[in-house]
Amino acid sequence: MIVQLPIVLKTVFLVLLGSVKSWTDVFAAKSVDGKVSIFNVCLLSLFNKHAPLKYNKPKKVTLHELWHAY
């Protein structure tokens, strides 16, 4: 049986999301805004840990390359 990589990664991410220690903080918050705010902090910390932003330096392109690109 061949397991597809996206399914495995999704499962790993959901396990990590379930292991967030501050779920009690989400449930204990009084307002919906507070719950969403705490949840966003947890979710963004997982994103930053497992899929950080990468910045690429754009390639310098000459006018000749632009003109003849198409």
Protein backbone atom coordinates (compact mmCIF):
# COMPACT_ATOMS: atom_id res chain seq x y z
CA MET A 1 0.00 0.00 0.00
CA ILE A 2 1.40 3.37 -1.00
CA VAL A 3 0.62 6.26 1.34
CA GLN A 4 0.34 9.67 -0.25
CA LEU A 5 2.61 12.28 1.28
CA PRO A 6 -0.03 15.06 1.59
CA ILE A 7 -2.26 12.74 3.64
CA VAL A 8 0.64 11.92 5.98
CA LEU A 9 1.55 15.60 6.36
CA LYS A 10 -2.08 16.50 7.04
CA THR A 11 -2.26 13.80 9.71
CA VAL A 12 0.96 15.01 11.35
CA PHE A 13 -0.29 18.60 11.32
CA LEU A 14 -3.62 17.61 12.88
CA VAL A 15 -1.81 15.63 15.60
CA LEU A 16 0.35 18.67 16.35
CA LEU A 17 -2.71 20.92 16.36
CA GLY A 18 -4.36 18.56 18.83
CA SER A 19 -1.31 18.67 21.07
CA VAL A 20 -1.42 22.45 21.51
CA LYS A 21 -1.24 23.05 25.25
CA SER A 22 -3.42 26.13 25.34
CA TRP A 23 -6.73 24.56 24.27
CA THR A 24 -7.93 25.10 27.82
CA ASP A 25 -7.25 28.82 27.31
CA VAL A 26 -9.39 28.78 24.17
CA PHE A 27 -12.26 27.07 25.97
CA ALA A 28 -11.92 29.27 29.06
CA ALA A 29 -12.07 32.57 27.15
CA LYS A 30 -15.32 34.43 27.75
CA SER A 31 -15.86 36.06 24.36
CA VAL A 32 -15.76 34.68 20.86
CA ASP A 33 -13.18 37.33 19.94
CA GLY A 34 -10.92 36.09 22.73
CA LYS A 35 -11.31 32.47 21.61
CA VAL A 36 -10.49 33.36 18.01
CA SER A 37 -7.50 35.43 19.08
CA ILE A 38 -6.02 32.64 21.20
CA PHE A 39 -6.72 30.07 18.46
CA ASN A 40 -5.01 32.29 15.87
CA VAL A 41 -1.91 32.58 18.05
CA CYS A 42 -1.75 28.78 18.39
CA LEU A 43 -2.33 28.18 14.69
CA LEU A 44 0.18 30.81 13.56
CA SER A 45 2.83 29.40 15.89
CA LEU A 46 2.36 26.00 14.24
CA PHE A 47 2.57 27.58 10.79
CA ASN A 48 5.72 29.49 11.72
CA LYS A 49 7.31 26.34 13.10
CA HIS A 50 6.47 23.98 10.25
CA ALA A 51 6.08 26.26 7.22
CA PRO A 52 8.09 29.45 7.76
CA LEU A 53 8.09 32.18 5.14
CA LYS A 54 11.03 32.13 2.78
CA TYR A 55 12.15 35.23 0.96
CA ASN A 56 13.69 34.94 -2.47
CA LYS A 57 15.79 37.62 -4.06
CA PRO A 58 14.39 38.41 -7.50
CA LYS A 59 16.58 37.70 -10.48
CA LYS A 60 17.90 40.74 -12.34
CA VAL A 61 16.48 40.68 -15.84
CA THR A 62 17.86 42.69 -18.71
CA LEU A 63 15.65 44.57 -21.14
CA HIS A 64 16.74 42.19 -23.91
CA GLU A 65 15.54 39.18 -21.89
CA LEU A 66 12.21 40.86 -21.21
CA TRP A 67 11.73 41.79 -24.84
CA HIS A 68 12.48 38.29 -26.15
CA ALA A 69 10.81 36.32 -23.39
CA TYR A 70 7.50 35.93 -25.23
